[in-house]
N, C-alpha and C. Protein backbone atom coordinates (compact mmCIF):
# COMPACT_ATOMS: atom_id res chain seq x y z
N ASP A 1 -7.70 102.68 -25.52
CA ASP A 1 -7.38 101.68 -26.51
C ASP A 1 -6.76 102.31 -27.75
N GLY A 2 -7.27 103.47 -28.17
CA GLY A 2 -6.73 104.16 -29.33
C GLY A 2 -5.28 104.55 -29.12
N VAL A 3 -4.93 104.94 -27.90
CA VAL A 3 -3.56 105.32 -27.59
C VAL A 3 -2.63 104.13 -27.76
N LEU A 4 -3.07 102.96 -27.33
CA LEU A 4 -2.25 101.76 -27.47
C LEU A 4 -1.98 101.47 -28.94
N LEU A 5 -3.01 101.52 -29.77
CA LEU A 5 -2.82 101.25 -31.19
C LEU A 5 -1.95 102.31 -31.83
N GLU A 6 -2.07 103.55 -31.39
CA GLU A 6 -1.21 104.60 -31.91
C GLU A 6 0.24 104.33 -31.52
N THR A 7 0.46 103.81 -30.32
CA THR A 7 1.80 103.53 -29.83
C THR A 7 2.46 102.42 -30.65
N ILE A 8 1.72 101.36 -30.98
CA ILE A 8 2.36 100.26 -31.68
C ILE A 8 2.48 100.53 -33.18
N GLY A 9 1.69 101.46 -33.70
CA GLY A 9 1.85 101.90 -35.09
C GLY A 9 1.79 100.78 -36.10
N THR A 10 2.63 100.88 -37.11
CA THR A 10 2.66 99.88 -38.17
C THR A 10 4.03 99.22 -38.22
N ALA A 11 4.07 98.06 -38.81
CA ALA A 11 5.31 97.29 -38.88
C ALA A 11 6.38 98.08 -39.62
N GLY A 12 7.59 97.99 -39.11
CA GLY A 12 8.72 98.59 -39.79
C GLY A 12 9.04 100.01 -39.38
N GLU A 13 8.13 100.70 -38.71
CA GLU A 13 8.42 102.06 -38.25
C GLU A 13 9.15 101.98 -36.92
N PRO A 14 10.23 102.75 -36.75
CA PRO A 14 10.98 102.72 -35.49
C PRO A 14 10.08 103.09 -34.31
N GLY A 15 10.20 102.33 -33.24
CA GLY A 15 9.46 102.63 -32.02
C GLY A 15 7.98 102.34 -32.10
N THR A 16 7.56 101.53 -33.04
CA THR A 16 6.12 101.28 -33.19
C THR A 16 5.73 99.84 -32.91
N SER A 17 6.55 99.14 -32.18
CA SER A 17 6.17 97.78 -31.82
C SER A 17 6.35 97.61 -30.32
N LEU A 18 5.71 96.61 -29.78
CA LEU A 18 5.78 96.35 -28.35
C LEU A 18 6.89 95.37 -28.04
N LYS A 19 7.70 95.69 -27.03
CA LYS A 19 8.69 94.77 -26.51
C LYS A 19 8.02 94.02 -25.37
N PRO A 20 8.61 92.92 -24.92
CA PRO A 20 7.97 92.15 -23.83
C PRO A 20 7.61 92.99 -22.61
N ILE A 21 8.49 93.90 -22.18
CA ILE A 21 8.19 94.69 -20.99
C ILE A 21 7.01 95.63 -21.22
N GLN A 22 6.88 96.18 -22.43
CA GLN A 22 5.75 97.04 -22.73
C GLN A 22 4.46 96.24 -22.80
N PHE A 23 4.53 95.05 -23.35
CA PHE A 23 3.36 94.18 -23.45
C PHE A 23 2.86 93.83 -22.06
N ASP A 24 3.78 93.63 -21.12
CA ASP A 24 3.45 93.31 -19.74
C ASP A 24 2.65 94.43 -19.10
N GLN A 25 2.87 95.66 -19.54
CA GLN A 25 2.20 96.82 -18.96
C GLN A 25 1.00 97.27 -19.77
N CYS A 26 0.63 96.49 -20.78
CA CYS A 26 -0.47 96.82 -21.66
C CYS A 26 -1.79 96.85 -20.89
N PRO A 27 -2.57 97.94 -20.99
CA PRO A 27 -3.81 98.03 -20.23
C PRO A 27 -4.91 97.09 -20.72
N VAL A 28 -4.74 96.48 -21.88
CA VAL A 28 -5.76 95.58 -22.40
C VAL A 28 -5.76 94.26 -21.64
N PHE A 29 -4.59 93.85 -21.15
CA PHE A 29 -4.46 92.55 -20.48
C PHE A 29 -4.11 92.75 -19.02
N SER A 30 -4.81 92.05 -18.14
CA SER A 30 -4.46 92.06 -16.72
C SER A 30 -3.82 90.72 -16.40
N LEU A 31 -2.71 90.44 -17.03
CA LEU A 31 -2.02 89.18 -16.84
C LEU A 31 -0.67 89.42 -16.20
N GLU A 32 -0.15 88.39 -15.55
CA GLU A 32 1.15 88.50 -14.91
C GLU A 32 1.95 87.25 -15.18
N GLY A 33 3.23 87.33 -14.89
CA GLY A 33 4.10 86.17 -14.89
C GLY A 33 4.11 85.38 -16.17
N ALA A 34 3.98 84.07 -16.01
CA ALA A 34 4.08 83.15 -17.14
C ALA A 34 3.04 83.44 -18.21
N LEU A 35 1.85 83.84 -17.82
CA LEU A 35 0.80 84.07 -18.81
C LEU A 35 1.14 85.20 -19.78
N VAL A 36 1.61 86.30 -19.26
CA VAL A 36 1.90 87.43 -20.15
C VAL A 36 3.10 87.11 -21.04
N LYS A 37 4.07 86.40 -20.51
CA LYS A 37 5.23 86.01 -21.33
C LYS A 37 4.80 85.07 -22.45
N ARG A 38 3.95 84.11 -22.12
CA ARG A 38 3.50 83.16 -23.13
C ARG A 38 2.58 83.83 -24.15
N LEU A 39 1.71 84.72 -23.70
CA LEU A 39 0.82 85.42 -24.64
C LEU A 39 1.66 86.26 -25.60
N PHE A 40 2.73 86.88 -25.09
CA PHE A 40 3.63 87.63 -25.96
C PHE A 40 4.22 86.72 -27.03
N ILE A 41 4.69 85.54 -26.63
CA ILE A 41 5.29 84.60 -27.58
C ILE A 41 4.26 84.15 -28.61
N VAL A 42 3.04 83.90 -28.19
CA VAL A 42 1.98 83.48 -29.11
C VAL A 42 1.65 84.60 -30.10
N PHE A 43 1.60 85.85 -29.63
CA PHE A 43 1.29 86.98 -30.50
C PHE A 43 2.45 87.28 -31.45
N ASP A 44 3.69 87.02 -31.04
CA ASP A 44 4.88 87.35 -31.83
C ASP A 44 5.08 86.28 -32.91
N THR A 45 4.17 86.26 -33.87
CA THR A 45 4.18 85.22 -34.90
C THR A 45 5.38 85.31 -35.83
N LYS A 46 5.97 86.49 -35.97
CA LYS A 46 7.15 86.66 -36.83
C LYS A 46 8.44 86.31 -36.08
N LYS A 47 8.32 86.04 -34.79
CA LYS A 47 9.45 85.63 -33.93
C LYS A 47 10.60 86.63 -33.98
N THR A 48 10.26 87.93 -33.87
CA THR A 48 11.27 88.98 -33.90
C THR A 48 11.63 89.46 -32.50
N GLY A 49 10.87 89.04 -31.49
CA GLY A 49 11.08 89.56 -30.14
C GLY A 49 10.31 90.83 -29.89
N TYR A 50 9.53 91.26 -30.88
CA TYR A 50 8.67 92.44 -30.78
C TYR A 50 7.31 92.08 -31.39
N ILE A 51 6.28 92.79 -30.96
CA ILE A 51 4.96 92.61 -31.55
C ILE A 51 4.62 93.89 -32.29
N ASP A 52 4.43 93.80 -33.60
CA ASP A 52 4.04 94.98 -34.35
C ASP A 52 2.51 95.07 -34.37
N ARG A 53 2.02 96.13 -34.98
CA ARG A 53 0.57 96.39 -35.01
C ARG A 53 -0.20 95.21 -35.60
N GLU A 54 0.29 94.68 -36.71
CA GLU A 54 -0.39 93.57 -37.38
C GLU A 54 -0.48 92.35 -36.47
N GLU A 55 0.63 92.01 -35.83
CA GLU A 55 0.64 90.85 -34.93
C GLU A 55 -0.30 91.06 -33.74
N PHE A 56 -0.29 92.27 -33.20
CA PHE A 56 -1.14 92.58 -32.05
C PHE A 56 -2.62 92.45 -32.42
N LEU A 57 -3.00 93.07 -33.53
CA LEU A 57 -4.41 93.02 -33.96
C LEU A 57 -4.82 91.60 -34.35
N ASN A 58 -3.93 90.87 -35.02
CA ASN A 58 -4.23 89.48 -35.38
C ASN A 58 -4.39 88.62 -34.13
N GLY A 59 -3.54 88.85 -33.14
CA GLY A 59 -3.65 88.10 -31.88
C GLY A 59 -4.96 88.38 -31.17
N LEU A 60 -5.36 89.65 -31.13
CA LEU A 60 -6.65 90.00 -30.52
C LEU A 60 -7.80 89.38 -31.30
N ALA A 61 -7.74 89.47 -32.63
CA ALA A 61 -8.80 88.92 -33.46
C ALA A 61 -8.92 87.42 -33.25
N LEU A 62 -7.79 86.74 -33.19
CA LEU A 62 -7.80 85.29 -32.95
C LEU A 62 -8.40 84.98 -31.58
N SER A 63 -8.01 85.76 -30.58
CA SER A 63 -8.53 85.54 -29.23
C SER A 63 -10.05 85.71 -29.17
N LEU A 64 -10.55 86.68 -29.90
CA LEU A 64 -11.97 87.00 -29.82
C LEU A 64 -12.82 86.28 -30.85
N HIS A 65 -12.28 86.08 -32.06
CA HIS A 65 -13.11 85.58 -33.15
C HIS A 65 -12.55 84.35 -33.85
N GLY A 66 -11.49 83.77 -33.32
CA GLY A 66 -10.92 82.58 -33.94
C GLY A 66 -11.85 81.38 -33.81
N THR A 67 -11.58 80.37 -34.60
CA THR A 67 -12.36 79.14 -34.49
C THR A 67 -12.04 78.47 -33.15
N ARG A 68 -12.84 77.53 -32.78
CA ARG A 68 -12.60 76.78 -31.54
C ARG A 68 -11.21 76.13 -31.57
N GLU A 69 -10.86 75.55 -32.70
CA GLU A 69 -9.55 74.88 -32.84
C GLU A 69 -8.40 75.88 -32.70
N GLU A 70 -8.56 77.08 -33.30
CA GLU A 70 -7.51 78.11 -33.19
C GLU A 70 -7.35 78.58 -31.75
N LYS A 71 -8.46 78.71 -31.06
CA LYS A 71 -8.40 79.12 -29.65
C LYS A 71 -7.78 78.01 -28.80
N TYR A 72 -8.11 76.76 -29.09
CA TYR A 72 -7.49 75.64 -28.37
C TYR A 72 -5.98 75.65 -28.58
N GLN A 73 -5.55 75.90 -29.83
CA GLN A 73 -4.12 75.93 -30.12
C GLN A 73 -3.43 77.07 -29.37
N MET A 74 -4.10 78.21 -29.31
CA MET A 74 -3.54 79.35 -28.59
C MET A 74 -3.36 79.02 -27.10
N ILE A 75 -4.34 78.40 -26.51
CA ILE A 75 -4.25 78.02 -25.09
C ILE A 75 -3.15 76.98 -24.91
N PHE A 76 -3.09 76.00 -25.80
CA PHE A 76 -2.03 75.00 -25.71
C PHE A 76 -0.66 75.66 -25.79
N ASP A 77 -0.49 76.56 -26.75
CA ASP A 77 0.80 77.25 -26.92
C ASP A 77 1.15 78.07 -25.68
N MET A 78 0.16 78.65 -25.04
CA MET A 78 0.42 79.42 -23.82
C MET A 78 0.83 78.51 -22.66
N CYS A 79 0.28 77.30 -22.62
CA CYS A 79 0.58 76.36 -21.53
C CYS A 79 1.87 75.59 -21.76
N ASN A 80 2.28 75.45 -22.99
CA ASN A 80 3.47 74.68 -23.35
C ASN A 80 4.72 75.55 -23.16
N LEU A 81 5.11 75.75 -21.92
CA LEU A 81 6.14 76.73 -21.57
C LEU A 81 7.51 76.40 -22.15
N ASP A 82 7.86 75.12 -22.25
CA ASP A 82 9.19 74.77 -22.75
C ASP A 82 9.23 74.59 -24.26
N GLY A 83 8.07 74.65 -24.91
CA GLY A 83 8.02 74.56 -26.36
C GLY A 83 8.09 73.15 -26.92
N PHE A 84 8.23 72.15 -26.04
CA PHE A 84 8.26 70.77 -26.51
C PHE A 84 6.83 70.24 -26.62
N ASP A 85 6.67 69.10 -27.28
CA ASP A 85 5.35 68.51 -27.41
C ASP A 85 4.80 68.16 -26.04
N GLY A 86 3.57 68.50 -25.82
CA GLY A 86 2.91 68.15 -24.57
C GLY A 86 3.10 69.18 -23.48
N ILE A 87 2.22 69.12 -22.50
CA ILE A 87 2.25 70.03 -21.36
C ILE A 87 2.51 69.20 -20.11
N SER A 88 3.58 69.53 -19.41
CA SER A 88 3.94 68.78 -18.20
C SER A 88 3.07 69.25 -17.03
N PRO A 89 2.99 68.44 -15.97
CA PRO A 89 2.24 68.86 -14.77
C PRO A 89 2.77 70.19 -14.20
N GLU A 90 4.08 70.38 -14.27
CA GLU A 90 4.67 71.61 -13.75
C GLU A 90 4.24 72.83 -14.58
N GLU A 91 4.21 72.65 -15.91
CA GLU A 91 3.78 73.74 -16.78
C GLU A 91 2.32 74.08 -16.51
N LEU A 92 1.49 73.08 -16.41
CA LEU A 92 0.08 73.32 -16.15
C LEU A 92 -0.11 74.02 -14.81
N SER A 93 0.65 73.59 -13.81
CA SER A 93 0.57 74.21 -12.48
C SER A 93 0.97 75.68 -12.55
N THR A 94 2.04 75.97 -13.27
CA THR A 94 2.52 77.36 -13.40
C THR A 94 1.46 78.24 -14.06
N VAL A 95 0.88 77.74 -15.14
CA VAL A 95 -0.12 78.52 -15.87
C VAL A 95 -1.38 78.69 -15.04
N LEU A 96 -1.82 77.63 -14.37
CA LEU A 96 -3.02 77.75 -13.54
C LEU A 96 -2.80 78.72 -12.39
N PHE A 97 -1.63 78.68 -11.77
CA PHE A 97 -1.33 79.62 -10.69
C PHE A 97 -1.34 81.06 -11.23
N SER A 98 -0.75 81.27 -12.39
CA SER A 98 -0.75 82.61 -13.00
C SER A 98 -2.17 83.05 -13.32
N SER A 99 -3.02 82.11 -13.76
CA SER A 99 -4.41 82.43 -14.08
C SER A 99 -5.17 82.86 -12.84
N VAL A 100 -4.98 82.13 -11.76
CA VAL A 100 -5.65 82.47 -10.50
C VAL A 100 -5.17 83.83 -10.00
N SER A 101 -3.87 84.06 -10.09
CA SER A 101 -3.30 85.33 -9.67
C SER A 101 -3.87 86.49 -10.50
N ALA A 102 -3.95 86.30 -11.81
CA ALA A 102 -4.50 87.33 -12.69
C ALA A 102 -5.98 87.57 -12.39
N SER A 103 -6.72 86.50 -12.15
CA SER A 103 -8.15 86.63 -11.83
C SER A 103 -8.35 87.42 -10.54
N TYR A 104 -7.51 87.13 -9.55
CA TYR A 104 -7.59 87.85 -8.28
C TYR A 104 -7.32 89.33 -8.50
N LYS A 105 -6.32 89.64 -9.30
CA LYS A 105 -5.97 91.04 -9.58
C LYS A 105 -7.14 91.75 -10.27
N ILE A 106 -7.74 91.10 -11.25
CA ILE A 106 -8.87 91.69 -11.97
C ILE A 106 -10.04 91.95 -11.03
N LEU A 107 -10.38 90.95 -10.21
CA LEU A 107 -11.48 91.11 -9.26
C LEU A 107 -11.20 92.21 -8.25
N HIS A 108 -9.95 92.30 -7.81
CA HIS A 108 -9.57 93.35 -6.86
C HIS A 108 -9.74 94.73 -7.50
N GLU A 109 -9.33 94.88 -8.77
CA GLU A 109 -9.48 96.15 -9.47
C GLU A 109 -10.96 96.50 -9.66
N ILE A 110 -11.78 95.51 -9.95
CA ILE A 110 -13.22 95.74 -10.10
C ILE A 110 -13.82 96.20 -8.78
N ASN A 111 -13.46 95.52 -7.69
CA ASN A 111 -13.97 95.90 -6.36
C ASN A 111 -13.54 97.31 -5.98
N GLU A 112 -12.30 97.67 -6.29
CA GLU A 112 -11.84 99.04 -6.01
C GLU A 112 -12.65 100.05 -6.80
N GLY A 113 -12.96 99.73 -8.05
CA GLY A 113 -13.78 100.62 -8.88
C GLY A 113 -15.18 100.77 -8.34
N ILE A 114 -15.76 99.67 -7.89
CA ILE A 114 -17.10 99.71 -7.31
C ILE A 114 -17.09 100.53 -6.03
N ASP A 115 -16.09 100.33 -5.18
CA ASP A 115 -15.97 101.11 -3.94
C ASP A 115 -15.83 102.59 -4.25
N TYR A 116 -15.02 102.92 -5.25
CA TYR A 116 -14.82 104.32 -5.64
C TYR A 116 -16.14 104.94 -6.10
N ILE A 117 -16.86 104.24 -6.95
CA ILE A 117 -18.14 104.76 -7.45
C ILE A 117 -19.14 104.89 -6.32
N THR A 118 -19.22 103.89 -5.46
CA THR A 118 -20.17 103.90 -4.34
C THR A 118 -19.88 105.04 -3.38
N ASN A 119 -18.63 105.27 -3.10
CA ASN A 119 -18.25 106.33 -2.16
C ASN A 119 -18.38 107.72 -2.76
N ARG A 120 -18.39 107.86 -4.09
CA ARG A 120 -18.51 109.16 -4.75
C ARG A 120 -19.95 109.51 -5.06
N SER A 121 -20.85 108.53 -5.03
CA SER A 121 -22.25 108.79 -5.37
C SER A 121 -22.89 109.69 -4.31
N PRO A 122 -23.64 110.69 -4.75
CA PRO A 122 -24.32 111.54 -3.77
C PRO A 122 -25.35 110.71 -3.01
N SER A 123 -25.50 111.03 -1.74
CA SER A 123 -26.46 110.28 -0.94
C SER A 123 -27.87 110.59 -1.41
N MET A 124 -28.74 109.63 -1.27
CA MET A 124 -30.11 109.75 -1.75
C MET A 124 -31.05 110.09 -0.60
N ASP A 125 -30.54 110.66 0.51
CA ASP A 125 -31.38 110.98 1.68
C ASP A 125 -32.32 112.09 1.39
């Protein structure tokens, strides 16, 4: 985690912000497709096409410690793919599919970790 924060640095320094492709590869989030693109847009509050350190930390803080209303707004903004008022059935379907896909990926990574630990543990015979 410290390496990620060191990479994004502070606003205004060259090479210290995340571009969409870097955000997609961020180890903090196991998201894919529409979800990671929308989360990037929600975090990019300055609308520069990059996320600087301040935007990244504010986005994380909002995700973890925001009010219920702020979190609802964040979820709505992530689901509202076309940016117009309201969420269409197609948008909801896209986001839900991306959520299921991301959940499967996370569970698969957890299972691989458990298998790795189980297979490396010395036998108790």
